[in-house]
PDB file of N, CA and C in Angstrom:
ATOM      1  N   UNK A   1     -62.809 -44.541  52.572  1.00  0.00           N
ATOM      2  CA  UNK A   1     -64.099 -43.810  53.293  1.00  0.00           C
ATOM      3  C   UNK A   1     -63.704 -42.668  54.017  1.00  0.00           C
ATOM      4  N   UNK A   2     -64.673 -41.685  54.108  1.00  0.00           N
ATOM      5  CA  UNK A   2     -64.331 -40.450  54.694  1.00  0.00           C
ATOM      6  C   UNK A   2     -64.878 -40.565  56.018  1.00  0.00           C
ATOM      7  N   UNK A   3     -64.090 -40.352  57.311  1.00  0.00           N
ATOM      8  CA  UNK A   3     -64.742 -40.116  58.547  1.00  0.00           C
ATOM      9  C   UNK A   3     -65.549 -39.028  58.994  1.00  0.00           C
ATOM     10  N   UNK A   4     -66.591 -38.917  59.721  1.00  0.00           N
ATOM     11  CA  UNK A   4     -67.334 -37.827  60.222  1.00  0.00           C
ATOM     12  C   UNK A   4     -67.142 -37.738  61.670  1.00  0.00           C
ATOM     13  N   UNK A   5     -67.101 -36.370  62.322  1.00  0.00           N
ATOM     14  CA  UNK A   5     -66.919 -36.238  63.650  1.00  0.00           C
ATOM     15  C   UNK A   5     -68.316 -35.824  63.944  1.00  0.00           C
ATOM     16  N   UNK A   6     -68.800 -36.131  64.988  1.00  0.00           N
ATOM     17  CA  UNK A   6     -70.182 -35.475  65.555  1.00  0.00           C
ATOM     18  C   UNK A   6     -69.794 -35.204  66.908  1.00  0.00           C
ATOM     19  N   UNK A   7     -70.155 -33.787  67.340  1.00  0.00           N
ATOM     20  CA  UNK A   7     -69.908 -33.304  68.800  1.00  0.00           C
ATOM     21  C   UNK A   7     -71.126 -32.939  69.229  1.00  0.00           C
ATOM     22  N   UNK A   8     -71.541 -33.156  70.495  1.00  0.00           N
ATOM     23  CA  UNK A   8     -72.637 -32.474  71.073  1.00  0.00           C
ATOM     24  C   UNK A   8     -72.432 -32.414  72.562  1.00  0.00           C
ATOM     25  N   UNK A   9     -72.940 -31.449  73.152  1.00  0.00           N
ATOM     26  CA  UNK A   9     -72.977 -30.863  74.557  1.00  0.00           C
ATOM     27  C   UNK A   9     -74.117 -31.745  75.525  1.00  0.00           C
ATOM     28  N   UNK A  10     -73.600 -32.471  76.306  1.00  0.00           N
ATOM     29  CA  UNK A  10     -74.697 -33.167  77.240  1.00  0.00           C
ATOM     30  C   UNK A  10     -75.099 -32.151  78.487  1.00  0.00           C
ATOM     31  N   UNK A  11     -76.190 -32.443  79.262  1.00  0.00           N
ATOM     32  CA  UNK A  11     -76.819 -31.759  80.286  1.00  0.00           C
ATOM     33  C   UNK A  11     -75.650 -31.276  81.319  1.00  0.00           C
ATOM     34  N   UNK A  12     -74.584 -31.864  81.291  1.00  0.00           N
ATOM     35  CA  UNK A  12     -73.634 -31.609  82.595  1.00  0.00           C
ATOM     36  C   UNK A  12     -72.607 -30.902  82.039  1.00  0.00           C
ATOM     37  N   UNK A  13     -72.546 -30.325  80.717  1.00  0.00           N
ATOM     38  CA  UNK A  13     -71.674 -29.477  80.197  1.00  0.00           C
ATOM     39  C   UNK A  13     -70.460 -30.182  79.552  1.00  0.00           C
ATOM     40  N   UNK A  14     -70.485 -31.412  79.410  1.00  0.00           N
ATOM     41  CA  UNK A  14     -69.469 -31.988  78.666  1.00  0.00           C
ATOM     42  C   UNK A  14     -69.669 -32.497  77.397  1.00  0.00           C
ATOM     43  N   UNK A  15     -68.658 -32.197  76.325  1.00  0.00           N
ATOM     44  CA  UNK A  15     -68.712 -32.306  75.113  1.00  0.00           C
ATOM     45  C   UNK A  15     -68.293 -33.732  74.644  1.00  0.00           C
ATOM     46  N   UNK A  16     -69.237 -34.421  73.820  1.00  0.00           N
ATOM     47  CA  UNK A  16     -68.864 -35.931  73.560  1.00  0.00           C
ATOM     48  C   UNK A  16     -68.465 -35.842  72.060  1.00  0.00           C
ATOM     49  N   UNK A  17     -67.522 -36.636  71.614  1.00  0.00           N
ATOM     50  CA  UNK A  17     -67.032 -36.630  70.157  1.00  0.00           C
ATOM     51  C   UNK A  17     -67.180 -37.951  69.832  1.00  0.00           C
ATOM     52  N   UNK A  18     -68.044 -38.266  68.693  1.00  0.00           N
ATOM     53  CA  UNK A  18     -67.910 -39.724  68.218  1.00  0.00           C
ATOM     54  C   UNK A  18     -67.457 -39.653  66.716  1.00  0.00           C
ATOM     55  N   UNK A  19     -67.021 -40.745  66.237  1.00  0.00           N
ATOM     56  CA  UNK A  19     -66.409 -40.633  64.854  1.00  0.00           C
ATOM     57  C   UNK A  19     -67.030 -41.807  64.302  1.00  0.00           C
ATOM     58  N   UNK A  20     -67.601 -41.460  63.082  1.00  0.00           N
ATOM     59  CA  UNK A  20     -68.455 -42.470  62.335  1.00  0.00           C
ATOM     60  C   UNK A  20     -67.299 -42.701  61.160  1.00  0.00           C
ATOM     61  N   UNK A  21     -66.822 -43.948  61.042  1.00  0.00           N
ATOM     62  CA  UNK A  21     -65.686 -44.355  60.153  1.00  0.00           C
ATOM     63  C   UNK A  21     -66.158 -44.406  58.491  1.00  0.00           C
ATOM     64  N   UNK A  22     -67.444 -44.139  58.115  1.00  0.00           N
ATOM     65  CA  UNK A  22     -68.049 -44.083  56.792  1.00  0.00           C
ATOM     66  C   UNK A  22     -68.388 -45.487  56.491  1.00  0.00           C
ATOM     67  N   UNK A  23     -68.222 -46.581  57.363  1.00  0.00           N
ATOM     68  CA  UNK A  23     -68.532 -47.882  57.088  1.00  0.00           C
ATOM     69  C   UNK A  23     -69.449 -48.411  57.962  1.00  0.00           C
ATOM     70  N   UNK A  24     -70.002 -47.605  58.797  1.00  0.00           N
ATOM     71  CA  UNK A  24     -71.059 -47.923  59.823  1.00  0.00           C
ATOM     72  C   UNK A  24     -70.708 -48.169  61.127  1.00  0.00           C
ATOM     73  N   UNK A  25     -69.347 -48.083  61.647  1.00  0.00           N
ATOM     74  CA  UNK A  25     -68.839 -48.131  62.862  1.00  0.00           C
ATOM     75  C   UNK A  25     -68.673 -46.810  63.376  1.00  0.00           C
ATOM     76  N   UNK A  26     -69.148 -46.514  64.607  1.00  0.00           N
ATOM     77  CA  UNK A  26     -69.085 -45.243  65.328  1.00  0.00           C
ATOM     78  C   UNK A  26     -68.451 -45.447  66.499  1.00  0.00           C
ATOM     79  N   UNK A  27     -67.351 -45.008  66.849  1.00  0.00           N
ATOM     80  CA  UNK A  27     -66.666 -44.727  68.216  1.00  0.00           C
ATOM     81  C   UNK A  27     -66.589 -43.577  68.798  1.00  0.00           C
ATOM     82  N   UNK A  28     -66.423 -43.497  69.968  1.00  0.00           N
ATOM     83  CA  UNK A  28     -66.082 -42.299  70.890  1.00  0.00           C
ATOM     84  C   UNK A  28     -64.538 -41.844  70.579  1.00  0.00           C
ATOM     85  N   UNK A  29     -64.507 -40.551  70.285  1.00  0.00           N
ATOM     86  CA  UNK A  29     -63.044 -40.123  70.298  1.00  0.00           C
ATOM     87  C   UNK A  29     -62.168 -40.296  71.506  1.00  0.00           C
ATOM     88  N   UNK A  30     -63.119 -39.884  72.635  1.00  0.00           N
ATOM     89  CA  UNK A  30     -62.158 -40.305  74.020  1.00  0.00           C
ATOM     90  C   UNK A  30     -63.355 -40.530  75.104  1.00  0.00           C
ATOM     91  N   UNK A  31     -63.136 -41.508  75.774  1.00  0.00           N
ATOM     92  CA  UNK A  31     -64.101 -42.204  76.729  1.00  0.00           C
ATOM     93  C   UNK A  31     -64.762 -41.059  77.693  1.00  0.00           C
ATOM     94  N   UNK A  32     -63.926 -40.206  78.154  1.00  0.00           N
ATOM     95  CA  UNK A  32     -64.123 -39.360  79.334  1.00  0.00           C
ATOM     96  C   UNK A  32     -64.913 -38.098  78.800  1.00  0.00           C
ATOM     97  N   UNK A  33     -64.967 -37.845  77.686  1.00  0.00           N
ATOM     98  CA  UNK A  33     -65.693 -36.603  76.964  1.00  0.00           C
ATOM     99  C   UNK A  33     -64.761 -35.426  77.184  1.00  0.00           C
ATOM    100  N   UNK A  34     -65.058 -34.331  76.607  1.00  0.00           N
ATOM    101  CA  UNK A  34     -64.460 -33.063  76.612  1.00  0.00           C
ATOM    102  C   UNK A  34     -65.374 -31.950  77.025  1.00  0.00           C
ATOM    103  N   UNK A  35     -64.654 -31.173  78.175  1.00  0.00           N
ATOM    104  CA  UNK A  35     -65.315 -30.163  78.587  1.00  0.00           C
ATOM    105  C   UNK A  35     -65.389 -28.979  77.569  1.00  0.00           C
ATOM    106  N   UNK A  36     -66.533 -28.473  77.050  1.00  0.00           N
ATOM    107  CA  UNK A  36     -66.650 -27.678  75.957  1.00  0.00           C
ATOM    108  C   UNK A  36     -66.625 -26.171  76.414  1.00  0.00           C
ATOM    109  N   UNK A  37     -65.712 -25.404  75.765  1.00  0.00           N
ATOM    110  CA  UNK A  37     -65.559 -23.866  75.911  1.00  0.00           C
ATOM    111  C   UNK A  37     -64.411 -23.697  75.058  1.00  0.00           C
ATOM    112  N   UNK A  38     -64.209 -22.271  74.985  1.00  0.00           N
ATOM    113  CA  UNK A  38     -62.972 -21.663  74.432  1.00  0.00           C
ATOM    114  C   UNK A  38     -61.690 -21.391  75.274  1.00  0.00           C
ATOM    115  N   UNK A  39     -62.003 -21.705  76.644  1.00  0.00           N
ATOM    116  CA  UNK A  39     -60.651 -21.653  77.434  1.00  0.00           C
ATOM    117  C   UNK A  39     -60.379 -22.828  78.015  1.00  0.00           C
ATOM    118  N   UNK A  40     -59.136 -23.114  78.685  1.00  0.00           N
ATOM    119  CA  UNK A  40     -58.783 -24.037  79.204  1.00  0.00           C
ATOM    120  C   UNK A  40     -57.963 -25.244  78.417  1.00  0.00           C
ATOM    121  N   UNK A  41     -57.839 -26.338  78.913  1.00  0.00           N
ATOM    122  CA  UNK A  41     -56.874 -27.355  78.375  1.00  0.00           C
ATOM    123  C   UNK A  41     -57.863 -28.311  77.460  1.00  0.00           C
ATOM    124  N   UNK A  42     -58.952 -28.364  77.627  1.00  0.00           N
ATOM    125  CA  UNK A  42     -59.839 -29.215  77.103  1.00  0.00           C
ATOM    126  C   UNK A  42     -59.887 -29.045  75.471  1.00  0.00           C
ATOM    127  N   UNK A  43     -60.178 -27.916  74.819  1.00  0.00           N
ATOM    128  CA  UNK A  43     -60.204 -27.594  73.442  1.00  0.00           C
ATOM    129  C   UNK A  43     -59.106 -27.994  72.584  1.00  0.00           C
ATOM    130  N   UNK A  44     -57.687 -27.733  73.283  1.00  0.00           N
ATOM    131  CA  UNK A  44     -56.442 -28.228  72.557  1.00  0.00           C
ATOM    132  C   UNK A  44     -56.494 -29.817  72.716  1.00  0.00           C
ATOM    133  N   UNK A  45     -56.823 -30.375  73.522  1.00  0.00           N
ATOM    134  CA  UNK A  45     -56.875 -31.852  73.817  1.00  0.00           C
ATOM    135  C   UNK A  45     -57.759 -32.464  72.810  1.00  0.00           C
ATOM    136  N   UNK A  46     -58.977 -31.818  72.557  1.00  0.00           N
ATOM    137  CA  UNK A  46     -59.974 -32.295  71.742  1.00  0.00           C
ATOM    138  C   UNK A  46     -59.226 -32.110  70.147  1.00  0.00           C
ATOM    139  N   UNK A  47     -58.717 -30.878  69.871  1.00  0.00           N
ATOM    140  CA  UNK A  47     -58.121 -30.637  68.844  1.00  0.00           C
ATOM    141  C   UNK A  47     -56.864 -31.731  68.293  1.00  0.00           C
ATOM    142  N   UNK A  48     -56.141 -31.836  69.387  1.00  0.00           N
ATOM    143  CA  UNK A  48     -54.965 -32.775  69.220  1.00  0.00           C
ATOM    144  C   UNK A  48     -55.595 -34.326  68.863  1.00  0.00           C
ATOM    145  N   UNK A  49     -56.678 -34.697  69.494  1.00  0.00           N
ATOM    146  CA  UNK A  49     -57.243 -35.826  69.345  1.00  0.00           C
ATOM    147  C   UNK A  49     -57.697 -36.205  67.828  1.00  0.00           C
ATOM    148  N   UNK A  50     -58.391 -35.041  67.407  1.00  0.00           N
ATOM    149  CA  UNK A  50     -59.249 -35.139  65.945  1.00  0.00           C
ATOM    150  C   UNK A  50     -58.025 -34.938  64.984  1.00  0.00           C
ATOM    151  N   UNK A  51     -56.971 -34.273  65.121  1.00  0.00           N
ATOM    152  CA  UNK A  51     -55.923 -34.156  64.289  1.00  0.00           C
ATOM    153  C   UNK A  51     -55.041 -35.319  64.141  1.00  0.00           C
ATOM    154  N   UNK A  52     -54.887 -36.178  65.377  1.00  0.00           N
ATOM    155  CA  UNK A  52     -54.181 -37.289  65.346  1.00  0.00           C
ATOM    156  C   UNK A  52     -55.061 -38.409  64.668  1.00  0.00           C
ATOM    157  N   UNK A  53     -56.206 -38.353  64.877  1.00  0.00           N
ATOM    158  CA  UNK A  53     -57.201 -39.425  64.298  1.00  0.00           C
ATOM    159  C   UNK A  53     -57.280 -39.164  62.630  1.00  0.00           C
ATOM    160  N   UNK A  54     -57.069 -37.928  62.168  1.00  0.00           N
ATOM    161  CA  UNK A  54     -57.080 -37.762  60.810  1.00  0.00           C
ATOM    162  C   UNK A  54     -55.687 -37.953  60.292  1.00  0.00           C
ATOM    163  N   UNK A  55     -54.576 -37.418  60.774  1.00  0.00           N
ATOM    164  CA  UNK A  55     -53.372 -37.536  60.207  1.00  0.00           C
ATOM    165  C   UNK A  55     -52.586 -38.946  60.566  1.00  0.00           C
ATOM    166  N   UNK A  56     -52.935 -39.640  61.522  1.00  0.00           N
ATOM    167  CA  UNK A  56     -52.151 -40.920  62.070  1.00  0.00           C
ATOM    168  C   UNK A  56     -51.083 -40.496  62.928  1.00  0.00           C
ATOM    169  N   UNK A  57     -50.666 -39.261  62.998  1.00  0.00           N
ATOM    170  CA  UNK A  57     -49.489 -38.717  63.788  1.00  0.00           C
ATOM    171  C   UNK A  57     -49.895 -37.553  64.799  1.00  0.00           C
ATOM    172  N   UNK A  58     -48.881 -36.836  65.367  1.00  0.00           N
ATOM    173  CA  UNK A  58     -49.150 -35.617  65.986  1.00  0.00           C
ATOM    174  C   UNK A  58     -48.437 -34.489  65.209  1.00  0.00           C
ATOM    175  N   UNK A  59     -48.647 -34.417  63.986  1.00  0.00           N
ATOM    176  CA  UNK A  59     -47.897 -33.303  63.182  1.00  0.00           C
ATOM    177  C   UNK A  59     -48.756 -31.997  63.043  1.00  0.00           C
ATOM    178  N   UNK A  60     -50.066 -32.301  63.247  1.00  0.00           N
ATOM    179  CA  UNK A  60     -50.962 -31.250  63.171  1.00  0.00           C
ATOM    180  C   UNK A  60     -50.660 -30.027  64.297  1.00  0.00           C
ATOM    181  N   UNK A  61     -51.163 -28.551  63.957  1.00  0.00           N
ATOM    182  CA  UNK A  61     -51.116 -27.740  64.896  1.00  0.00           C
ATOM    183  C   UNK A  61     -52.270 -27.380  65.648  1.00  0.00           C
ATOM    184  N   UNK A  62     -52.519 -28.158  66.873  1.00  0.00           N
ATOM    185  CA  UNK A  62     -53.733 -28.090  67.475  1.00  0.00           C
ATOM    186  C   UNK A  62     -54.311 -26.714  68.102  1.00  0.00           C
ATOM    187  N   UNK A  63     -53.287 -25.957  68.253  1.00  0.00           N
ATOM    188  CA  UNK A  63     -53.745 -24.670  68.768  1.00  0.00           C
ATOM    189  C   UNK A  63     -54.262 -23.810  67.831  1.00  0.00           C
ATOM    190  N   UNK A  64     -53.936 -23.972  66.423  1.00  0.00           N
ATOM    191  CA  UNK A  64     -54.489 -23.194  65.395  1.00  0.00           C
ATOM    192  C   UNK A  64     -55.669 -23.883  64.805  1.00  0.00           C
ATOM    193  N   UNK A  65     -55.832 -24.987  65.054  1.00  0.00           N
ATOM    194  CA  UNK A  65     -57.191 -25.711  64.800  1.00  0.00           C
ATOM    195  C   UNK A  65     -58.072 -25.273  65.831  1.00  0.00           C
ATOM    196  N   UNK A  66     -57.680 -25.136  66.898  1.00  0.00           N
ATOM    197  CA  UNK A  66     -58.841 -24.682  68.053  1.00  0.00           C
ATOM    198  C   UNK A  66     -59.328 -23.224  67.635  1.00  0.00           C
ATOM    199  N   UNK A  67     -58.340 -22.329  67.228  1.00  0.00           N
ATOM    200  CA  UNK A  67     -58.622 -20.947  66.808  1.00  0.00           C
ATOM    201  C   UNK A  67     -59.650 -21.009  65.485  1.00  0.00           C
ATOM    202  N   UNK A  68     -59.165 -21.747  64.545  1.00  0.00           N
ATOM    203  CA  UNK A  68     -59.660 -21.590  63.365  1.00  0.00           C
ATOM    204  C   UNK A  68     -61.039 -22.438  63.162  1.00  0.00           C
ATOM    205  N   UNK A  69     -61.254 -23.433  63.991  1.00  0.00           N
ATOM    206  CA  UNK A  69     -62.190 -24.431  63.741  1.00  0.00           C
ATOM    207  C   UNK A  69     -63.364 -24.579  65.132  1.00  0.00           C
ATOM    208  N   UNK A  70     -62.618 -25.221  66.175  1.00  0.00           N
ATOM    209  CA  UNK A  70     -63.293 -25.516  67.181  1.00  0.00           C
ATOM    210  C   UNK A  70     -63.965 -24.385  67.782  1.00  0.00           C
ATOM    211  N   UNK A  71     -63.241 -23.192  67.961  1.00  0.00           N
ATOM    212  CA  UNK A  71     -63.867 -22.030  68.637  1.00  0.00           C
ATOM    213  C   UNK A  71     -65.020 -21.518  68.009  1.00  0.00           C
ATOM    214  N   UNK A  72     -65.170 -21.828  66.634  1.00  0.00           N
ATOM    215  CA  UNK A  72     -66.175 -21.192  65.939  1.00  0.00           C
ATOM    216  C   UNK A  72     -67.452 -22.194  65.655  1.00  0.00           C
ATOM    217  N   UNK A  73     -67.180 -23.373  66.136  1.00  0.00           N
ATOM    218  CA  UNK A  73     -68.472 -24.468  66.006  1.00  0.00           C
ATOM    219  C   UNK A  73     -69.411 -24.112  67.090  1.00  0.00           C
ATOM    220  N   UNK A  74     -70.790 -24.425  66.694  1.00  0.00           N
ATOM    221  CA  UNK A  74     -71.853 -24.157  67.470  1.00  0.00           C
ATOM    222  C   UNK A  74     -71.496 -24.964  68.777  1.00  0.00           C
ATOM    223  N   UNK A  75     -72.147 -24.197  69.796  1.00  0.00           N
ATOM    224  CA  UNK A  75     -71.659 -24.934  71.290  1.00  0.00           C
ATOM    225  C   UNK A  75     -72.388 -26.195  71.481  1.00  0.00           C
ATOM    226  N   UNK A  76     -73.565 -26.461  71.186  1.00  0.00           N
ATOM    227  CA  UNK A  76     -74.230 -27.400  71.548  1.00  0.00           C
ATOM    228  C   UNK A  76     -74.381 -28.873  70.808  1.00  0.00           C
ATOM    229  N   UNK A  77     -74.077 -28.502  69.364  1.00  0.00           N
ATOM    230  CA  UNK A  77     -74.105 -29.705  68.425  1.00  0.00           C
ATOM    231  C   UNK A  77     -73.300 -29.279  67.085  1.00  0.00           C
ATOM    232  N   UNK A  78     -72.259 -30.182  66.647  1.00  0.00           N
ATOM    233  CA  UNK A  78     -71.840 -29.968  65.432  1.00  0.00           C
ATOM    234  C   UNK A  78     -71.125 -31.263  64.791  1.00  0.00           C
ATOM    235  N   UNK A  79     -71.103 -31.106  63.414  1.00  0.00           N
ATOM    236  CA  UNK A  79     -70.470 -32.154  62.502  1.00  0.00           C
ATOM    237  C   UNK A  79     -69.380 -31.776  61.570  1.00  0.00           C
ATOM    238  N   UNK A  80     -68.180 -32.285  61.701  1.00  0.00           N
ATOM    239  CA  UNK A  80     -67.239 -32.134  60.707  1.00  0.00           C
ATOM    240  C   UNK A  80     -66.630 -33.360  60.106  1.00  0.00           C
ATOM    241  N   UNK A  81     -66.415 -33.246  58.699  1.00  0.00           N
ATOM    242  CA  UNK A  81     -66.000 -34.296  58.166  1.00  0.00           C
ATOM    243  C   UNK A  81     -64.628 -34.387  57.855  1.00  0.00           C
ATOM    244  N   UNK A  82     -64.041 -35.523  57.791  1.00  0.00           N
ATOM    245  CA  UNK A  82     -62.555 -35.720  57.576  1.00  0.00           C
ATOM    246  C   UNK A  82     -62.058 -34.534  56.337  1.00  0.00           C
ATOM    247  N   UNK A  83     -62.815 -34.817  55.284  1.00  0.00           N
ATOM    248  CA  UNK A  83     -62.587 -33.900  54.069  1.00  0.00           C
ATOM    249  C   UNK A  83     -62.359 -32.274  54.410  1.00  0.00           C
ATOM    250  N   UNK A  84     -63.279 -31.807  55.325  1.00  0.00           N
ATOM    251  CA  UNK A  84     -63.297 -30.513  55.901  1.00  0.00           C
ATOM    252  C   UNK A  84     -61.929 -30.356  56.615  1.00  0.00           C
ATOM    253  N   UNK A  85     -61.722 -31.227  57.423  1.00  0.00           N
ATOM    254  CA  UNK A  85     -60.489 -31.008  58.205  1.00  0.00           C
ATOM    255  C   UNK A  85     -59.194 -31.015  57.323  1.00  0.00           C
ATOM    256  N   UNK A  86     -59.237 -32.070  56.435  1.00  0.00           N
ATOM    257  CA  UNK A  86     -58.024 -32.081  55.586  1.00  0.00           C
ATOM    258  C   UNK A  86     -58.104 -30.754  54.769  1.00  0.00           C
ATOM    259  N   UNK A  87     -59.133 -30.195  54.312  1.00  0.00           N
ATOM    260  CA  UNK A  87     -59.139 -28.952  53.450  1.00  0.00           C
ATOM    261  C   UNK A  87     -58.469 -28.025  54.285  1.00  0.00           C
ATOM    262  N   UNK A  88     -58.855 -27.870  55.580  1.00  0.00           N
ATOM    263  CA  UNK A  88     -58.291 -26.797  56.679  1.00  0.00           C
ATOM    264  C   UNK A  88     -56.754 -26.999  56.693  1.00  0.00           C
ATOM    265  N   UNK A  89     -56.325 -28.288  56.553  1.00  0.00           N
ATOM    266  CA  UNK A  89     -54.842 -28.268  57.013  1.00  0.00           C
ATOM    267  C   UNK A  89     -54.131 -28.178  55.741  1.00  0.00           C
ATOM    268  N   UNK A  90     -54.733 -28.309  54.377  1.00  0.00           N
ATOM    269  CA  UNK A  90     -54.173 -27.890  53.055  1.00  0.00           C
ATOM    270  C   UNK A  90     -53.876 -26.334  53.179  1.00  0.00           C
ATOM    271  N   UNK A  91     -55.006 -25.837  53.776  1.00  0.00           N
ATOM    272  CA  UNK A  91     -55.078 -24.238  53.778  1.00  0.00           C
ATOM    273  C   UNK A  91     -54.066 -23.451  54.474  1.00  0.00           C
ATOM    274  N   UNK A  92     -53.446 -24.384  55.409  1.00  0.00           N
ATOM    275  CA  UNK A  92     -52.355 -23.627  56.398  1.00  0.00           C
ATOM    276  C   UNK A  92     -50.802 -23.839  55.770  1.00  0.00           C
ATOM    277  N   UNK A  93     -50.222 -22.598  55.860  1.00  0.00           N
ATOM    278  CA  UNK A  93     -48.880 -22.745  55.159  1.00  0.00           C
ATOM    279  C   UNK A  93     -47.964 -23.470  56.352  1.00  0.00           C
ATOM    280  N   UNK A  94     -48.343 -23.363  57.614  1.00  0.00           N
ATOM    281  CA  UNK A  94     -47.340 -24.299  58.626  1.00  0.00           C
ATOM    282  C   UNK A  94     -47.423 -25.550  58.651  1.00  0.00           C
ATOM    283  N   UNK A  95     -48.514 -26.133  57.892  1.00  0.00           N
ATOM    284  CA  UNK A  95     -48.853 -27.626  58.038  1.00  0.00           C
ATOM    285  C   UNK A  95     -47.657 -28.294  57.327  1.00  0.00           C
ATOM    286  N   UNK A  96     -46.980 -29.538  58.035  1.00  0.00           N
ATOM    287  CA  UNK A  96     -45.966 -30.108  57.659  1.00  0.00           C
ATOM    288  C   UNK A  96     -46.474 -31.084  56.550  1.00  0.00           C
ATOM    289  N   UNK A  97     -45.751 -31.240  55.626  1.00  0.00           N
ATOM    290  CA  UNK A  97     -46.189 -32.154  54.374  1.00  0.00           C
ATOM    291  C   UNK A  97     -46.263 -33.427  54.809  1.00  0.00           C
ATOM    292  N   UNK A  98     -47.199 -34.234  54.335  1.00  0.00           N
ATOM    293  CA  UNK A  98     -47.436 -35.817  54.610  1.00  0.00           C
ATOM    294  C   UNK A  98     -46.186 -36.548  54.340  1.00  0.00           C
TER     295      UNK A  98
END
């Protein structure tokens, strides 16, 4: 089953990200939420969390994922599939082989 990541911005400016495992279970990617924006430490942290969830390890380039993917998502609500993230990883020459 393919996972789907749903992010949304609440009224306090905190981005919440939930993961739907494709079998009906939805969990929060991180309990504290993520501060949304293109600067600061939160987007790289979100990128690392998402890539770790997809890869099962820390081999992803979270800085590049921020620039290529997270920084261009709509600010209030977005959805990314595991397949989209894997496609992004396959297109990056710096990505380590599994």
